[in-house]
Amino acid sequence: QVQLVESGGGLVQAGGSLTLSCAASGRTFSTYAMGWFRQAPGKEREFVAALRWSDDSTYYADSVKGRFTISRDNAKNTVYLQMNSLKPEDTAVYYCAAKLGGYYRLPRRDSEYDSWGQGTQVTVSS
């Protein structure tokens, strides 16, 4: 399995930026893709972004496209989520997730992922 630890959350004003990190350990060589999800109070967890390990292909939710960027650092086994132009509606607990083994597309449903981090809180004030 792969163990994931998120960091970088916090409180930021609307229009500001934050960068989340997700450090992976364990069987990282079996990673097919990494994803970011978020869950706001009273709402279901929703997909934010995904990155395929083999070719750095990415996919974003429409709500964050053009504002958020997912990237990775191979040497550090770390995935990042750069969040710009933050809005109050971006407030949520953000989770990173790993899809292991092979797959036919960039996974974007939480049920498609195998390992999860504990989450990090992002709060955007208006």
Protein backbone atom coordinates (compact mmCIF):
# COMPACT_ATOMS: atom_id res chain seq x y z
CA GLN A 1 0.00 0.00 0.00
CA VAL A 2 0.88 3.67 -0.19
CA GLN A 3 0.75 6.02 2.76
CA LEU A 4 -0.15 9.66 2.09
CA VAL A 5 0.32 12.73 4.27
CA GLU A 6 -1.10 16.12 3.27
CA SER A 7 0.14 19.49 4.48
CA GLY A 8 -0.10 23.14 3.58
CA GLY A 9 -3.67 23.95 4.46
CA GLY A 10 -4.65 27.09 6.32
CA LEU A 11 -6.64 30.30 6.34
CA VAL A 12 -6.38 32.66 3.38
CA GLN A 13 -8.34 35.63 2.11
CA ALA A 14 -10.35 35.45 -1.07
CA GLY A 15 -8.12 36.01 -4.07
CA GLY A 16 -5.11 34.57 -2.29
CA SER A 17 -3.07 31.44 -2.93
CA LEU A 18 -2.09 28.27 -1.14
CA THR A 19 -0.03 25.25 -2.09
CA LEU A 20 -0.94 21.85 -0.69
CA SER A 21 1.56 19.01 -0.54
CA CYS A 22 1.00 15.28 -0.42
CA ALA A 23 3.99 13.14 0.54
CA ALA A 24 3.78 9.48 -0.47
CA SER A 25 5.62 6.54 1.07
CA GLY A 26 5.47 2.78 0.79
CA ARG A 27 4.86 1.06 -2.54
CA THR A 28 5.01 4.29 -4.52
CA PHE A 29 6.43 2.49 -7.58
CA SER A 30 2.97 0.99 -8.14
CA THR A 31 1.27 4.38 -8.41
CA TYR A 32 -0.79 4.94 -11.56
CA ALA A 33 -2.23 8.33 -10.68
CA MET A 34 -2.62 10.80 -7.85
CA GLY A 35 -5.69 12.85 -7.20
CA TRP A 36 -6.96 15.66 -5.03
CA PHE A 37 -10.48 15.73 -3.64
CA ARG A 38 -12.26 18.06 -1.25
CA GLN A 39 -15.20 17.92 1.10
CA ALA A 40 -17.04 20.96 2.39
CA PRO A 41 -19.25 20.77 5.49
CA GLY A 42 -22.55 19.10 4.71
CA LYS A 43 -21.49 18.18 1.20
CA GLU A 44 -20.20 15.08 -0.51
CA ARG A 45 -16.54 14.68 -1.33
CA GLU A 46 -15.82 15.99 -4.80
CA PHE A 47 -13.05 15.56 -7.34
CA VAL A 48 -10.61 18.43 -7.81
CA ALA A 49 -7.67 17.28 -9.95
CA ALA A 50 -5.70 14.21 -11.02
CA LEU A 51 -2.27 13.52 -12.48
CA ARG A 52 -1.08 10.36 -14.23
CA TRP A 53 2.36 9.25 -13.10
CA SER A 54 3.57 7.89 -16.45
CA ASP A 55 3.13 10.99 -18.59
CA ASP A 56 2.05 13.85 -16.29
CA SER A 57 -1.36 14.02 -17.94
CA THR A 58 -3.75 16.05 -15.83
CA TYR A 59 -7.47 16.51 -15.45
CA TYR A 60 -9.36 19.18 -13.51
CA ALA A 61 -12.85 19.76 -12.26
CA ASP A 62 -14.52 22.63 -14.10
CA SER A 63 -14.84 24.56 -10.85
CA VAL A 64 -11.05 24.84 -10.45
CA LYS A 65 -9.84 24.79 -14.04
CA GLY A 66 -7.52 27.73 -14.71
CA ARG A 67 -7.03 28.42 -10.99
CA PHE A 68 -5.54 25.19 -9.59
CA THR A 69 -2.51 23.26 -10.83
CA ILE A 70 -1.54 19.72 -9.88
CA SER A 71 2.12 18.77 -10.19
CA ARG A 72 4.66 16.36 -8.76
CA ASP A 73 8.25 16.03 -7.63
CA ASN A 74 9.48 12.50 -8.38
CA ALA A 75 12.55 12.76 -6.20
CA LYS A 76 10.43 13.66 -3.19
CA ASN A 77 7.48 11.35 -4.01
CA THR A 78 5.32 14.40 -3.49
CA VAL A 79 2.30 15.77 -5.31
CA TYR A 80 1.30 19.42 -5.07
CA LEU A 81 -1.87 21.38 -5.57
CA GLN A 82 -1.19 25.02 -6.32
CA MET A 83 -4.37 26.99 -5.66
CA ASN A 84 -4.68 30.55 -6.95
CA SER A 85 -7.53 33.06 -6.99
CA LEU A 86 -9.14 31.25 -4.08
CA LYS A 87 -12.85 31.76 -3.42
CA PRO A 88 -14.89 31.22 -0.24
CA GLU A 89 -16.54 28.26 -1.98
CA ASP A 90 -13.13 26.55 -2.12
CA THR A 91 -13.31 26.13 1.67
CA ALA A 92 -13.12 22.43 2.45
CA VAL A 93 -10.98 19.62 3.78
CA TYR A 94 -8.66 18.63 0.96
CA TYR A 95 -7.58 15.01 0.54
CA CYS A 96 -4.99 13.45 -1.69
CA ALA A 97 -5.44 9.93 -3.00
CA ALA A 98 -3.44 7.33 -4.93
CA LYS A 99 -4.62 4.99 -7.63
CA LEU A 100 -2.37 1.93 -7.73
CA GLY A 101 -1.64 -0.53 -10.51
CA GLY A 102 -3.00 0.02 -14.02
CA TYR A 103 -6.14 1.76 -15.23
CA TYR A 104 -7.75 2.91 -18.48
CA ARG A 105 -8.13 6.61 -17.75
CA LEU A 106 -7.38 9.31 -15.20
CA PRO A 107 -9.61 8.36 -12.29
CA ARG A 108 -11.95 11.06 -11.09
CA ARG A 109 -14.31 9.19 -8.76
CA ASP A 110 -13.28 8.60 -5.16
CA SER A 111 -14.23 4.93 -5.45
CA GLU A 112 -11.50 4.50 -8.06
CA TYR A 113 -8.69 5.37 -5.63
CA ASP A 114 -6.93 2.93 -3.33
CA SER A 115 -5.14 5.00 -0.68
CA TRP A 116 -6.10 8.24 1.06
CA GLY A 117 -4.45 10.84 3.23
CA GLN A 118 -5.94 12.26 6.40
CA GLY A 119 -6.89 15.59 4.86
CA THR A 120 -5.90 19.21 5.40
CA GLN A 121 -8.26 22.11 6.06
CA VAL A 122 -8.41 25.04 3.67
CA THR A 123 -10.49 28.03 4.72
CA VAL A 124 -11.02 31.00 2.41
CA SER A 125 -12.44 34.12 4.03
CA SER A 126 -14.45 36.69 2.12
